[in-house]
Amino acid sequence: AQKVTQDQPYVTSQIGQSVILNCRYEVSLSRYTHYLYWYKQLPSGEMTFLIRQESSGPNARNGRYSVNFQKAQNSISLTISALQLEDSAKLEFRQLLELEESIQSCYLCIWC
Protein backbone atom coordinates (compact mmCIF):
# COMPACT_ATOMS: atom_id res chain seq x y z
CA ALA A 1 0.00 0.00 0.00
CA GLN A 2 1.09 3.55 -0.53
CA LYS A 3 -0.04 6.90 0.75
CA VAL A 4 0.94 10.53 0.20
CA THR A 5 0.22 13.53 2.42
CA GLN A 6 0.82 17.27 2.18
CA ASP A 7 1.81 19.07 5.38
CA GLN A 8 -0.06 22.23 4.31
CA PRO A 9 -3.40 21.89 2.49
CA TYR A 10 -3.53 25.66 1.89
CA VAL A 11 -0.49 27.90 1.40
CA THR A 12 -0.27 31.65 0.82
CA SER A 13 2.67 33.78 -0.27
CA GLN A 14 3.49 36.93 -2.19
CA ILE A 15 4.65 37.74 -5.70
CA GLY A 16 8.44 37.50 -6.02
CA GLN A 17 8.84 35.33 -2.93
CA SER A 18 9.61 31.61 -2.73
CA VAL A 19 7.39 28.97 -1.20
CA ILE A 20 8.16 25.45 0.03
CA LEU A 21 5.52 22.70 -0.06
CA ASN A 22 6.39 19.79 2.23
CA CYS A 23 5.07 16.31 1.57
CA ARG A 24 5.44 12.83 2.98
CA TYR A 25 4.89 9.50 1.34
CA GLU A 26 4.68 5.86 2.33
CA VAL A 27 5.72 2.99 0.15
CA SER A 28 5.75 -0.70 1.01
CA LEU A 29 8.02 -1.76 -1.86
CA SER A 30 10.95 0.58 -1.24
CA ARG A 31 13.38 -1.61 -3.16
CA TYR A 32 11.61 -0.59 -6.38
CA THR A 33 12.13 2.74 -8.08
CA HIS A 34 9.10 4.93 -7.63
CA TYR A 35 8.22 8.34 -8.99
CA LEU A 36 6.93 11.48 -7.29
CA TYR A 37 5.25 14.20 -9.34
CA TRP A 38 3.69 17.62 -9.00
CA TYR A 39 0.94 18.87 -11.25
CA LYS A 40 -0.84 22.23 -11.41
CA GLN A 41 -4.46 22.80 -12.34
CA LEU A 42 -4.93 25.28 -15.17
CA PRO A 43 -7.94 27.65 -15.27
CA SER A 44 -9.48 25.25 -17.80
CA GLY A 45 -9.41 22.51 -15.17
CA GLU A 46 -6.72 20.54 -16.99
CA MET A 47 -3.79 19.29 -14.89
CA THR A 48 -0.36 20.19 -16.26
CA PHE A 49 2.96 18.59 -15.30
CA LEU A 50 5.44 20.65 -13.23
CA ILE A 51 8.25 18.35 -12.11
CA ARG A 52 9.13 14.70 -11.45
CA GLN A 53 11.41 13.14 -8.83
CA GLU A 54 12.76 9.62 -9.24
CA SER A 55 13.43 7.78 -5.96
CA SER A 56 16.86 6.65 -7.13
CA GLY A 57 17.87 9.93 -8.77
CA PRO A 58 19.36 13.29 -7.75
CA ASN A 59 17.16 16.19 -6.69
CA ALA A 60 15.11 17.37 -9.66
CA ARG A 61 15.01 20.91 -11.00
CA ASN A 62 12.84 22.43 -13.71
CA GLY A 63 13.00 26.20 -14.14
CA ARG A 64 11.53 27.83 -11.01
CA TYR A 65 10.65 24.44 -9.53
CA SER A 66 13.14 22.43 -7.47
CA VAL A 67 12.84 19.35 -5.28
CA ASN A 68 14.56 18.43 -2.02
CA PHE A 69 14.17 14.66 -1.70
CA GLN A 70 14.94 12.94 1.63
CA LYS A 71 14.49 9.27 0.84
CA ALA A 72 15.48 7.99 4.30
CA GLN A 73 12.75 10.15 5.89
CA ASN A 74 10.15 9.48 3.17
CA SER A 75 10.01 13.25 2.85
CA ILE A 76 10.05 15.51 -0.17
CA SER A 77 9.57 19.24 -0.66
CA LEU A 78 8.87 21.37 -3.69
CA THR A 79 10.27 24.90 -3.83
CA ILE A 80 8.72 27.39 -6.24
CA SER A 81 10.85 30.51 -6.61
CA ALA A 82 10.08 33.98 -7.98
CA LEU A 83 6.36 33.46 -7.45
CA GLN A 84 3.95 34.93 -9.98
CA LEU A 85 0.23 35.59 -9.67
CA GLU A 86 -0.40 32.76 -12.15
CA ASP A 87 1.14 30.32 -9.63
CA SER A 88 -2.11 30.55 -7.64
CA ALA A 89 -3.65 27.16 -8.28
CA LYS A 90 -4.57 23.75 -7.03
CA LEU A 91 -1.40 21.64 -6.96
CA GLU A 92 -1.34 17.86 -6.86
CA PHE A 93 1.42 15.71 -5.39
CA ARG A 94 1.35 12.22 -6.88
CA GLN A 95 3.25 9.03 -6.20
CA LEU A 96 3.45 6.30 -8.81
CA LEU A 97 4.70 2.79 -8.04
CA GLU A 98 4.01 -0.34 -10.06
CA LEU A 99 1.07 1.36 -11.84
CA GLU A 100 -0.56 2.28 -8.50
CA GLU A 101 -1.00 6.02 -8.03
CA SER A 102 -1.70 8.03 -4.87
CA ILE A 103 -2.71 11.70 -5.08
CA GLN A 104 -2.91 14.55 -2.54
CA SER A 105 -3.93 18.14 -3.32
CA CYS A 106 -3.05 21.50 -1.86
CA TYR A 107 -3.96 25.06 -2.79
CA LEU A 108 -1.43 27.83 -3.37
CA CYS A 109 -2.66 31.42 -3.24
CA ILE A 110 -0.37 34.28 -4.30
CA TRP A 111 -1.05 37.85 -3.19
CA CYS A 112 0.14 41.05 -4.87
C-alpha atoms as a PDB file:
ATOM      1  CA  ALA A   1       0.000   0.000   0.000  1.00  0.00           C
ATOM      2  CA  GLN A   2       1.090   3.550  -0.533  1.00  0.00           C
ATOM      3  CA  LYS A   3      -0.040   6.904   0.745  1.00  0.00           C
ATOM      4  CA  VAL A   4       0.939  10.525   0.201  1.00  0.00           C
ATOM      5  CA  THR A   5       0.225  13.534   2.423  1.00  0.00           C
ATOM      6  CA  GLN A   6       0.822  17.272   2.176  1.00  0.00           C
ATOM      7  CA  ASP A   7       1.806  19.075   5.379  1.00  0.00           C
ATOM      8  CA  GLN A   8      -0.058  22.228   4.307  1.00  0.00           C
ATOM      9  CA  PRO A   9      -3.401  21.889   2.486  1.00  0.00           C
ATOM     10  CA  TYR A  10      -3.527  25.659   1.892  1.00  0.00           C
ATOM     11  CA  VAL A  11      -0.487  27.898   1.403  1.00  0.00           C
ATOM     12  CA  THR A  12      -0.269  31.653   0.824  1.00  0.00           C
ATOM     13  CA  SER A  13       2.674  33.775  -0.267  1.00  0.00           C
ATOM     14  CA  GLN A  14       3.494  36.934  -2.189  1.00  0.00           C
ATOM     15  CA  ILE A  15       4.651  37.737  -5.704  1.00  0.00           C
ATOM     16  CA  GLY A  16       8.436  37.504  -6.015  1.00  0.00           C
ATOM     17  CA  GLN A  17       8.837  35.327  -2.928  1.00  0.00           C
ATOM     18  CA  SER A  18       9.614  31.610  -2.735  1.00  0.00           C
ATOM     19  CA  VAL A  19       7.392  28.967  -1.204  1.00  0.00           C
ATOM     20  CA  ILE A  20       8.160  25.446   0.029  1.00  0.00           C
ATOM     21  CA  LEU A  21       5.524  22.705  -0.059  1.00  0.00           C
ATOM     22  CA  ASN A  22       6.390  19.789   2.229  1.00  0.00           C
ATOM     23  CA  CYS A  23       5.072  16.307   1.567  1.00  0.00           C
ATOM     24  CA  ARG A  24       5.438  12.828   2.982  1.00  0.00           C
ATOM     25  CA  TYR A  25       4.893   9.505   1.342  1.00  0.00           C
ATOM     26  CA  GLU A  26       4.678   5.861   2.326  1.00  0.00           C
ATOM     27  CA  VAL A  27       5.725   2.988   0.154  1.00  0.00           C
ATOM     28  CA  SER A  28       5.753  -0.703   1.009  1.00  0.00           C
ATOM     29  CA  LEU A  29       8.021  -1.764  -1.861  1.00  0.00           C
ATOM     30  CA  SER A  30      10.948   0.580  -1.242  1.00  0.00           C
ATOM     31  CA  ARG A  31      13.382  -1.613  -3.165  1.00  0.00           C
ATOM     32  CA  TYR A  32      11.614  -0.589  -6.378  1.00  0.00           C
ATOM     33  CA  THR A  33      12.129   2.738  -8.080  1.00  0.00           C
ATOM     34  CA  HIS A  34       9.097   4.935  -7.634  1.00  0.00           C
ATOM     35  CA  TYR A  35       8.220   8.340  -8.986  1.00  0.00           C
ATOM     36  CA  LEU A  36       6.926  11.476  -7.293  1.00  0.00           C
ATOM     37  CA  TYR A  37       5.250  14.202  -9.344  1.00  0.00           C
ATOM     38  CA  TRP A  38       3.689  17.622  -8.997  1.00  0.00           C
ATOM     39  CA  TYR A  39       0.938  18.873 -11.255  1.00  0.00           C
ATOM     40  CA  LYS A  40      -0.837  22.229 -11.414  1.00  0.00           C
ATOM     41  CA  GLN A  41      -4.465  22.795 -12.345  1.00  0.00           C
ATOM     42  CA  LEU A  42      -4.932  25.281 -15.174  1.00  0.00           C
ATOM     43  CA  PRO A  43      -7.940  27.653 -15.267  1.00  0.00           C
ATOM     44  CA  SER A  44      -9.479  25.252 -17.802  1.00  0.00           C
ATOM     45  CA  GLY A  45      -9.412  22.508 -15.167  1.00  0.00           C
ATOM     46  CA  GLU A  46      -6.716  20.539 -16.992  1.00  0.00           C
ATOM     47  CA  MET A  47      -3.795  19.291 -14.888  1.00  0.00           C
ATOM     48  CA  THR A  48      -0.362  20.191 -16.264  1.00  0.00           C
ATOM     49  CA  PHE A  49       2.956  18.593 -15.297  1.00  0.00           C
ATOM     50  CA  LEU A  50       5.442  20.646 -13.235  1.00  0.00           C
ATOM     51  CA  ILE A  51       8.252  18.345 -12.107  1.00  0.00           C
ATOM     52  CA  ARG A  52       9.127  14.700 -11.445  1.00  0.00           C
ATOM     53  CA  GLN A  53      11.412  13.142  -8.834  1.00  0.00           C
ATOM     54  CA  GLU A  54      12.764   9.618  -9.242  1.00  0.00           C
ATOM     55  CA  SER A  55      13.425   7.784  -5.957  1.00  0.00           C
ATOM     56  CA  SER A  56      16.856   6.652  -7.126  1.00  0.00           C
ATOM     57  CA  GLY A  57      17.873   9.928  -8.772  1.00  0.00           C
ATOM     58  CA  PRO A  58      19.357  13.294  -7.754  1.00  0.00           C
ATOM     59  CA  ASN A  59      17.158  16.191  -6.690  1.00  0.00           C
ATOM     60  CA  ALA A  60      15.110  17.367  -9.660  1.00  0.00           C
ATOM     61  CA  ARG A  61      15.014  20.912 -11.000  1.00  0.00           C
ATOM     62  CA  ASN A  62      12.838  22.433 -13.712  1.00  0.00           C
ATOM     63  CA  GLY A  63      13.003  26.198 -14.137  1.00  0.00           C
ATOM     64  CA  ARG A  64      11.528  27.834 -11.012  1.00  0.00           C
ATOM     65  CA  TYR A  65      10.649  24.441  -9.527  1.00  0.00           C
ATOM     66  CA  SER A  66      13.135  22.433  -7.470  1.00  0.00           C
ATOM     67  CA  VAL A  67      12.843  19.346  -5.279  1.00  0.00           C
ATOM     68  CA  ASN A  68      14.559  18.430  -2.019  1.00  0.00           C
ATOM     69  CA  PHE A  69      14.173  14.661  -1.696  1.00  0.00           C
ATOM     70  CA  GLN A  70      14.943  12.943   1.632  1.00  0.00           C
ATOM     71  CA  LYS A  71      14.491   9.266   0.838  1.00  0.00           C
ATOM     72  CA  ALA A  72      15.475   7.989   4.298  1.00  0.00           C
ATOM     73  CA  GLN A  73      12.750  10.155   5.886  1.00  0.00           C
ATOM     74  CA  ASN A  74      10.155   9.484   3.168  1.00  0.00           C
ATOM     75  CA  SER A  75      10.008  13.252   2.854  1.00  0.00           C
ATOM     76  CA  ILE A  76      10.047  15.514  -0.170  1.00  0.00           C
ATOM     77  CA  SER A  77       9.570  19.236  -0.663  1.00  0.00           C
ATOM     78  CA  LEU A  78       8.869  21.372  -3.695  1.00  0.00           C
ATOM     79  CA  THR A  79      10.274  24.902  -3.827  1.00  0.00           C
ATOM     80  CA  ILE A  80       8.718  27.385  -6.238  1.00  0.00           C
ATOM     81  CA  SER A  81      10.850  30.509  -6.609  1.00  0.00           C
ATOM     82  CA  ALA A  82      10.080  33.980  -7.979  1.00  0.00           C
ATOM     83  CA  LEU A  83       6.359  33.465  -7.447  1.00  0.00           C
ATOM     84  CA  GLN A  84       3.947  34.926  -9.979  1.00  0.00           C
ATOM     85  CA  LEU A  85       0.232  35.594  -9.671  1.00  0.00           C
ATOM     86  CA  GLU A  86      -0.396  32.761 -12.147  1.00  0.00           C
ATOM     87  CA  ASP A  87       1.136  30.318  -9.628  1.00  0.00           C
ATOM     88  CA  SER A  88      -2.108  30.554  -7.639  1.00  0.00           C
ATOM     89  CA  ALA A  89      -3.649  27.164  -8.282  1.00  0.00           C
ATOM     90  CA  LYS A  90      -4.575  23.754  -7.026  1.00  0.00           C
ATOM     91  CA  LEU A  91      -1.404  21.644  -6.961  1.00  0.00           C
ATOM     92  CA  GLU A  92      -1.344  17.860  -6.857  1.00  0.00           C
ATOM     93  CA  PHE A  93       1.418  15.715  -5.389  1.00  0.00           C
ATOM     94  CA  ARG A  94       1.354  12.224  -6.878  1.00  0.00           C
ATOM     95  CA  GLN A  95       3.245   9.029  -6.201  1.00  0.00           C
ATOM     96  CA  LEU A  96       3.446   6.301  -8.811  1.00  0.00           C
ATOM     97  CA  LEU A  97       4.699   2.792  -8.043  1.00  0.00           C
ATOM     98  CA  GLU A  98       4.009  -0.338 -10.062  1.00  0.00           C
ATOM     99  CA  LEU A  99       1.073   1.356 -11.841  1.00  0.00           C
ATOM    100  CA  GLU A 100      -0.557   2.284  -8.505  1.00  0.00           C
ATOM    101  CA  GLU A 101      -0.999   6.020  -8.034  1.00  0.00           C
ATOM    102  CA  SER A 102      -1.698   8.033  -4.871  1.00  0.00           C
ATOM    103  CA  ILE A 103      -2.707  11.697  -5.082  1.00  0.00           C
ATOM    104  CA  GLN A 104      -2.912  14.549  -2.544  1.00  0.00           C
ATOM    105  CA  SER A 105      -3.933  18.139  -3.316  1.00  0.00           C
ATOM    106  CA  CYS A 106      -3.053  21.501  -1.856  1.00  0.00           C
ATOM    107  CA  TYR A 107      -3.963  25.060  -2.787  1.00  0.00           C
ATOM    108  CA  LEU A 108      -1.430  27.826  -3.370  1.00  0.00           C
ATOM    109  CA  CYS A 109      -2.656  31.420  -3.238  1.00  0.00           C
ATOM    110  CA  ILE A 110      -0.373  34.280  -4.298  1.00  0.00           C
ATOM    111  CA  TRP A 111      -1.053  37.847  -3.194  1.00  0.00           C
ATOM    112  CA  CYS A 112       0.138  41.046  -4.866  1.00  0.00           C
END
